[in-house]
Amino acid sequence: MNDKQWLEDDFEAGDLLLSSGATLNSARLHYHQIGKLNAPKDNLILLPTYYGGAAAGNHPWVGSDSPLNPDKYCIVIPSMLGAGESSSPSNTQGQQAGPGFPEISLYDNVMLQKLLVDEVFGGAGIALVMGWSMGGMQALQWGCLFPEQVRGVLATCCTARCYPHNQVFLEGVKAALTCDQNFQEGHYQSPPRRGLRAFGRVYAGWAYSQAFFRSELWRCLGFDSSEALLRFWEDDHLGQDANNLLSALSTWQRGDISDNPMFEGDYQTALASLTMPTRVMPGSTDLYFTVEDALQDARQMPGATFDPLTSDWGHIAGGPGRETQSHQKILGAAQSLLSTKGP
């Protein structure tokens, strides 16, 4: 492999026992890799994916001019289960296809990623786990489960669990999708287009802040009106599979880093396990992963630094390459964490 080019591959894990007690048949983890593992096997960086995003969505964080430099690090982007690239409702055969796809937790995602690290990358030490939104939730899950293996965690625009108002927001977008009569409880023969459009349009009002629309910041994205931005969100969601959206949404809605066999629902103990240097970076105007909730989490993480992104871009501020000022601040935090010497 040319270490300056992205490699795409699939890790075939066989049948995967899930935290629910169910089994995901023939589990497959899709991932992108750039850069090579060094001889000590201590230069691995993981960038778990976010809701609605493919692995390529994390590419803007990586480059020769970034702290995430493939000349120095082996960088791996594992795609979230249920989101369309790894095992998902849309690409699974038999009884687990479509609405028969099993419930997936944050823990299930991270344990499959752990298998990838152990079997493909020789149990490498992880210099940094970094993610936005659901990617950040997975990063925090990694840190509390494997504090001896993970040297740093960077979590942008997320919390360690899905707090109640966040869950209500997700109920709203889910209802917008599933009320399409063509959805047919997930057994649709063609995409439920009205539902997908409604999902995208409703979601857009939550993804950005009130100030974003008041200041017409959609112009920075090349749109000439807020309506044009909403149509973009509609079109983007028409390209996604409805059952995939709902599978990943369920993982998010049930997200809790203590909801697994190790912590058995003890949220405080799970947070207290994040002893490595951890940067918690909520968006100052995020409407669903709020600053208040993120601060409450960070205060219980021994290794955490709380460093909000001051931005009018709402939740979108924390995304890779989305908003320049926040993007640069996130990369600065990554540089700081990668420069920190372990114990």
Protein backbone atom coordinates (compact mmCIF):
# COMPACT_ATOMS: atom_id res chain seq x y z
CA MET A 1 0.00 0.00 0.00
CA ASN A 2 1.18 3.51 -0.79
CA ASP A 3 0.97 5.08 2.68
CA LYS A 4 -0.10 8.41 1.14
CA GLN A 5 -3.29 6.92 -0.31
CA TRP A 6 -6.48 5.80 1.39
CA LEU A 7 -7.01 2.05 1.42
CA GLU A 8 -10.56 0.73 1.79
CA ASP A 9 -11.03 -2.76 3.20
CA ASP A 10 -13.47 -4.98 5.05
CA PHE A 11 -12.77 -6.90 8.24
CA GLU A 12 -14.84 -10.08 8.31
CA ALA A 13 -15.47 -10.89 11.98
CA GLY A 14 -17.86 -13.84 11.68
CA ASP A 15 -20.87 -14.02 13.96
CA LEU A 16 -20.74 -11.24 16.55
CA LEU A 17 -22.43 -11.62 19.94
CA LEU A 18 -24.13 -8.32 20.75
CA SER A 19 -24.67 -6.72 24.14
CA SER A 20 -28.42 -7.34 23.73
CA GLY A 21 -27.79 -11.09 23.68
CA ALA A 22 -28.60 -11.33 19.97
CA THR A 23 -26.03 -12.30 17.34
CA LEU A 24 -25.14 -10.27 14.26
CA ASN A 25 -24.54 -12.87 11.57
CA SER A 26 -21.36 -12.57 9.49
CA ALA A 27 -20.44 -9.20 10.94
CA ARG A 28 -18.38 -7.02 8.61
CA LEU A 29 -16.51 -3.83 9.53
CA HIS A 30 -15.67 -1.52 6.64
CA TYR A 31 -12.72 0.81 7.22
CA HIS A 32 -10.40 3.29 5.56
CA GLN A 33 -6.67 3.35 6.31
CA ILE A 34 -3.87 5.72 5.45
CA GLY A 35 -0.30 5.57 6.76
CA LYS A 36 1.53 2.58 8.18
CA LEU A 37 1.84 1.05 11.62
CA ASN A 38 5.32 1.57 13.05
CA ALA A 39 7.51 -1.14 14.58
CA PRO A 40 6.52 -0.42 18.22
CA LYS A 41 2.87 -0.46 17.09
CA ASP A 42 2.07 2.70 19.02
CA ASN A 43 1.11 5.18 16.28
CA LEU A 44 -2.47 4.11 15.53
CA ILE A 45 -5.21 6.77 15.37
CA LEU A 46 -8.89 5.79 15.21
CA LEU A 47 -11.57 8.10 13.79
CA PRO A 48 -15.00 6.47 14.25
CA THR A 49 -17.74 7.77 11.96
CA TYR A 50 -20.66 10.07 12.77
CA TYR A 51 -24.41 9.79 12.20
CA GLY A 52 -25.30 9.81 8.52
CA GLY A 53 -21.65 9.92 7.53
CA ALA A 54 -19.47 7.59 5.50
CA ALA A 55 -15.82 6.96 6.36
CA ALA A 56 -14.72 9.52 3.78
CA GLY A 57 -16.46 12.19 5.84
CA ASN A 58 -13.55 12.10 8.30
CA HIS A 59 -10.88 12.58 5.62
CA PRO A 60 -10.71 16.40 6.08
CA TRP A 61 -9.09 15.91 9.49
CA VAL A 62 -6.16 14.05 7.90
CA GLY A 63 -3.25 15.33 5.85
CA SER A 64 0.41 16.26 5.68
CA ASP A 65 -0.48 19.73 7.02
CA SER A 66 -2.51 18.28 9.90
CA PRO A 67 -1.46 16.82 13.25
CA LEU A 68 -3.12 13.66 11.89
CA ASN A 69 -0.27 13.22 9.43
CA PRO A 70 -0.11 9.88 7.59
CA ASP A 71 3.67 10.25 7.34
CA LYS A 72 3.76 9.79 11.12
CA TYR A 73 0.58 7.91 12.04
CA CYS A 74 -1.41 4.93 10.88
CA ILE A 75 -4.91 6.39 10.65
CA VAL A 76 -7.98 4.15 10.53
CA ILE A 77 -11.60 5.18 10.07
CA PRO A 78 -13.98 2.37 11.11
CA SER A 79 -17.50 2.75 9.74
CA MET A 80 -20.32 2.49 12.24
CA LEU A 81 -22.52 -0.60 12.17
CA GLY A 82 -25.94 0.06 10.66
CA ALA A 83 -24.87 3.16 8.72
CA GLY A 84 -24.52 1.57 5.30
CA GLU A 85 -20.85 0.67 4.83
CA SER A 86 -20.26 -1.92 7.56
CA SER A 87 -22.95 -4.52 8.25
CA SER A 88 -26.26 -2.67 7.94
CA PRO A 89 -29.94 -3.26 7.19
CA SER A 90 -29.35 -2.37 3.53
CA ASN A 91 -26.52 -4.83 2.87
CA THR A 92 -27.41 -7.78 5.10
CA GLN A 93 -29.08 -10.87 3.68
CA GLY A 94 -31.75 -13.17 5.07
CA GLN A 95 -33.75 -12.60 8.23
CA GLN A 96 -31.48 -9.77 9.40
CA ALA A 97 -32.05 -7.68 6.29
CA GLY A 98 -33.98 -4.41 6.49
CA PRO A 99 -36.16 -4.13 9.60
CA GLY A 100 -34.85 -7.48 10.86
CA PHE A 101 -31.41 -6.00 11.54
CA PRO A 102 -30.58 -6.36 15.26
CA GLU A 103 -30.22 -3.49 17.73
CA ILE A 104 -26.65 -2.23 17.89
CA SER A 105 -25.05 -0.40 20.83
CA LEU A 106 -22.01 1.85 21.19
CA TYR A 107 -20.39 -1.08 23.00
CA ASP A 108 -21.03 -3.41 20.04
CA ASN A 109 -19.39 -0.95 17.67
CA VAL A 110 -16.32 -0.52 19.83
CA MET A 111 -15.92 -4.22 20.56
CA LEU A 112 -15.94 -4.94 16.81
CA GLN A 113 -13.40 -2.16 16.30
CA LYS A 114 -11.32 -3.71 19.08
CA LEU A 115 -11.31 -7.00 17.14
CA LEU A 116 -10.07 -5.09 14.10
CA VAL A 117 -7.26 -3.48 16.10
CA ASP A 118 -6.24 -6.78 17.66
CA GLU A 119 -6.44 -9.00 14.58
CA VAL A 120 -5.41 -6.65 11.78
CA PHE A 121 -3.16 -4.19 13.63
CA GLY A 122 -1.60 -6.56 16.15
CA GLY A 123 -3.22 -5.06 19.25
CA ALA A 124 -1.55 -1.71 18.57
CA GLY A 125 -1.41 1.06 21.12
CA ILE A 126 -3.82 3.83 20.21
CA ALA A 127 -2.30 7.30 20.20
CA LEU A 128 -5.69 8.98 19.81
CA VAL A 129 -9.37 8.12 19.35
CA MET A 130 -11.15 11.12 17.89
CA GLY A 131 -14.69 11.67 16.69
CA TRP A 132 -17.55 14.07 16.10
CA SER A 133 -21.12 13.48 17.30
CA MET A 134 -21.70 9.71 17.38
CA GLY A 135 -18.03 9.33 16.48
CA GLY A 136 -17.21 11.19 19.69
CA MET A 137 -19.54 8.94 21.67
CA GLN A 138 -17.61 5.95 20.32
CA ALA A 139 -14.32 7.64 21.22
CA LEU A 140 -15.47 8.07 24.82
CA GLN A 141 -16.62 4.44 24.85
CA TRP A 142 -13.16 3.36 23.72
CA GLY A 143 -11.52 5.40 26.47
CA CYS A 144 -13.53 3.99 29.34
CA LEU A 145 -13.35 0.38 28.13
CA PHE A 146 -9.63 0.32 27.29
CA PRO A 147 -7.80 2.97 29.34
CA GLU A 148 -4.54 1.00 29.19
CA GLN A 149 -4.56 0.95 25.38
CA VAL A 150 -5.84 4.45 24.57
CA ARG A 151 -3.45 7.35 25.21
CA GLY A 152 -5.82 10.19 24.26
CA VAL A 153 -9.47 10.90 23.47
CA LEU A 154 -10.93 13.85 21.56
CA ALA A 155 -14.73 14.13 21.47
CA THR A 156 -16.42 17.00 19.63
CA CYS A 157 -20.10 17.95 19.86
CA CYS A 158 -21.19 14.90 21.82
CA THR A 159 -21.89 13.57 25.30
CA ALA A 160 -21.20 10.19 26.87
CA ARG A 161 -24.88 9.29 26.73
CA CYS A 162 -27.96 10.46 24.90
CA TYR A 163 -29.64 12.84 27.33
CA PRO A 164 -33.48 13.10 27.51
CA HIS A 165 -34.00 16.13 25.27
CA ASN A 166 -31.64 14.65 22.69
CA GLN A 167 -33.81 11.52 22.70
CA VAL A 168 -36.94 13.64 22.12
CA PHE A 169 -35.30 15.39 19.16
CA LEU A 170 -34.57 11.98 17.64
CA GLU A 171 -38.17 10.88 18.19
CA GLY A 172 -39.24 13.84 16.06
CA VAL A 173 -37.05 13.09 13.04
CA LYS A 174 -37.89 9.39 13.31
CA ALA A 175 -41.61 10.21 13.22
CA ALA A 176 -41.10 12.39 10.15
CA LEU A 177 -39.60 9.42 8.32
CA THR A 178 -41.84 6.61 9.49
CA CYS A 179 -45.15 8.42 8.93
CA ASP A 180 -44.66 8.03 5.16
CA GLN A 181 -47.21 5.37 4.22
CA ASN A 182 -44.64 3.86 1.84
CA PHE A 183 -42.32 3.12 4.74
CA GLN A 184 -44.41 0.03 5.56
CA GLU A 185 -42.73 -0.67 8.90
CA GLY A 186 -39.40 -0.93 7.11
CA HIS A 187 -40.60 -3.41 4.48
CA TYR A 188 -40.64 -0.83 1.67
CA GLN A 189 -40.12 -1.97 -1.91
CA SER A 190 -38.93 1.46 -3.02
CA PRO A 191 -37.51 4.30 -0.93
CA PRO A 192 -40.06 6.22 1.18
CA ARG A 193 -39.15 9.49 -0.52
CA ARG A 194 -41.60 11.75 1.31
CA GLY A 195 -40.39 10.46 4.63
CA LEU A 196 -36.74 10.84 3.70
CA ARG A 197 -37.30 14.40 2.53
CA ALA A 198 -39.19 15.24 5.73
CA PHE A 199 -36.44 13.66 7.83
CA GLY A 200 -33.77 15.82 6.16
CA ARG A 201 -35.81 19.02 6.36
CA VAL A 202 -36.67 18.58 10.05
CA TYR A 203 -33.12 17.56 10.94
CA ALA A 204 -31.64 20.70 9.33
CA GLY A 205 -33.47 22.90 11.83
CA TRP A 206 -31.69 21.10 14.66
CA ALA A 207 -28.24 20.73 13.12
CA TYR A 208 -27.59 24.49 12.95
CA SER A 209 -28.32 27.13 15.58
CA GLN A 210 -30.83 29.96 15.61
CA ALA A 211 -27.93 32.38 15.14
CA PHE A 212 -26.78 30.48 12.05
CA PHE A 213 -30.07 31.23 10.31
CA ARG A 214 -30.46 34.71 11.78
CA SER A 215 -27.04 35.71 10.42
CA GLU A 216 -27.64 33.91 7.11
CA LEU A 217 -24.50 31.83 7.54
CA TRP A 218 -25.85 29.41 4.96
CA ARG A 219 -24.31 31.85 2.48
CA CYS A 220 -20.89 30.58 3.63
CA LEU A 221 -21.91 27.18 2.26
CA GLY A 222 -22.77 28.59 -1.15
CA PHE A 223 -26.56 28.70 -0.76
CA ASP A 224 -28.59 31.72 -1.77
CA SER A 225 -31.42 31.09 0.69
CA SER A 226 -32.31 28.99 3.70
CA GLU A 227 -34.77 27.14 1.45
CA ALA A 228 -31.89 26.09 -0.81
CA LEU A 229 -30.10 24.69 2.23
CA LEU A 230 -33.22 22.72 3.20
CA ARG A 231 -33.51 21.29 -0.31
CA PHE A 232 -29.89 20.18 -0.06
CA TRP A 233 -30.70 18.33 3.16
CA GLU A 234 -33.69 16.71 1.45
CA ASP A 235 -31.59 15.56 -1.50
CA ASP A 236 -28.83 14.27 0.77
CA HIS A 237 -31.26 12.10 2.69
CA LEU A 238 -32.89 10.79 -0.49
CA GLY A 239 -29.52 9.12 -1.08
CA GLN A 240 -29.67 7.24 2.23
CA ASP A 241 -31.49 4.07 3.16
CA ALA A 242 -34.35 4.58 5.62
CA ASN A 243 -33.66 1.44 7.65
CA ASN A 244 -29.98 2.39 7.92
CA LEU A 245 -30.94 5.82 9.24
CA LEU A 246 -33.21 4.25 11.85
CA SER A 247 -30.67 1.60 12.87
CA ALA A 248 -27.95 4.17 13.56
CA LEU A 249 -30.53 6.46 15.18
CA SER A 250 -31.45 3.66 17.58
CA THR A 251 -27.78 3.22 18.50
CA TRP A 252 -27.57 6.96 19.17
CA GLN A 253 -30.83 7.18 21.09
CA ARG A 254 -29.83 4.30 23.37
CA GLY A 255 -26.24 5.52 23.57
CA ASP A 256 -24.68 5.29 27.03
CA ILE A 257 -21.04 4.37 27.63
CA SER A 258 -22.02 2.52 30.81
CA ASP A 259 -24.66 0.33 29.11
CA ASN A 260 -22.53 -2.77 28.72
CA PRO A 261 -21.36 -5.84 30.66
CA MET A 262 -18.31 -4.02 32.04
CA PHE A 263 -20.12 -1.14 33.77
CA GLU A 264 -23.67 -2.53 34.00
CA GLY A 265 -25.24 0.93 33.91
CA ASP A 266 -22.90 2.60 36.42
CA TYR A 267 -22.49 5.86 34.53
CA GLN A 268 -20.28 7.57 37.10
CA THR A 269 -17.82 4.67 37.15
CA ALA A 270 -17.68 4.63 33.34
CA LEU A 271 -16.89 8.35 33.27
CA ALA A 272 -14.31 7.93 36.03
CA SER A 273 -12.49 5.38 33.85
CA LEU A 274 -11.53 8.11 31.38
CA THR A 275 -8.21 8.76 33.09
CA MET A 276 -6.15 9.43 29.95
CA PRO A 277 -5.89 12.98 28.53
CA THR A 278 -9.34 13.67 27.13
CA ARG A 279 -10.58 16.78 25.35
CA VAL A 280 -14.35 17.40 25.50
CA MET A 281 -15.31 20.03 22.90
CA PRO A 282 -19.06 20.74 22.70
CA GLY A 283 -20.46 23.38 20.38
CA SER A 284 -21.56 26.52 22.20
CA THR A 285 -24.83 26.63 20.23
CA ASP A 286 -25.42 22.88 19.77
CA LEU A 287 -29.14 22.26 20.26
CA TYR A 288 -29.02 18.58 21.24
CA PHE A 289 -25.52 17.71 22.51
CA THR A 290 -25.57 20.71 24.81
CA VAL A 291 -22.70 22.47 26.56
CA GLU A 292 -24.42 21.91 29.91
CA ASP A 293 -24.67 18.15 29.44
CA ALA A 294 -21.11 17.88 28.12
CA LEU A 295 -19.78 19.86 31.09
CA GLN A 296 -21.60 17.58 33.51
CA ASP A 297 -19.90 14.61 31.86
CA ALA A 298 -16.44 16.20 31.69
CA ARG A 299 -16.44 17.07 35.38
CA GLN A 300 -16.56 13.35 36.17
CA MET A 301 -13.71 12.35 33.83
CA PRO A 302 -10.36 12.54 35.67
CA GLY A 303 -8.40 13.17 32.47
CA ALA A 304 -10.76 15.65 30.84
CA THR A 305 -10.20 19.20 29.68
CA PHE A 306 -13.41 21.02 28.83
CA ASP A 307 -12.86 23.23 25.79
CA PRO A 308 -16.06 24.38 24.02
CA LEU A 309 -16.17 25.48 20.40
CA THR A 310 -17.50 29.03 20.34
CA SER A 311 -19.50 29.05 17.13
CA ASP A 312 -22.89 29.98 15.67
CA TRP A 313 -22.86 26.83 13.53
CA GLY A 314 -24.63 24.68 16.13
CA HIS A 315 -23.88 20.97 16.06
CA ILE A 316 -22.20 21.25 12.66
CA ALA A 317 -19.30 23.24 14.17
CA GLY A 318 -17.57 20.06 15.33
CA GLY A 319 -17.63 18.26 11.98
CA PRO A 320 -14.46 17.60 9.97
CA GLY A 321 -13.79 20.59 7.75
CA ARG A 322 -17.24 22.09 8.25
CA GLU A 323 -16.47 25.47 9.82
CA THR A 324 -12.94 26.85 9.50
CA GLN A 325 -12.43 28.36 12.95
CA SER A 326 -13.74 25.31 14.79
CA HIS A 327 -11.88 22.94 12.45
CA GLN A 328 -8.57 24.63 13.28
CA LYS A 329 -9.31 24.59 17.01
CA ILE A 330 -10.11 20.87 16.86
CA LEU A 331 -6.87 20.11 15.06
CA GLY A 332 -5.02 22.20 17.65
CA ALA A 333 -6.54 20.03 20.38
CA ALA A 334 -5.51 16.89 18.47
CA GLN A 335 -1.94 18.24 18.26
CA SER A 336 -1.91 18.87 22.00
CA LEU A 337 -3.17 15.38 22.82
CA LEU A 338 -0.73 13.70 20.44
CA SER A 339 2.12 15.67 22.03
CA THR A 340 1.19 14.55 25.54
CA LYS A 341 3.45 11.85 26.88
CA GLY A 342 1.72 8.86 28.41
CA PRO A 343 2.34 7.61 31.94
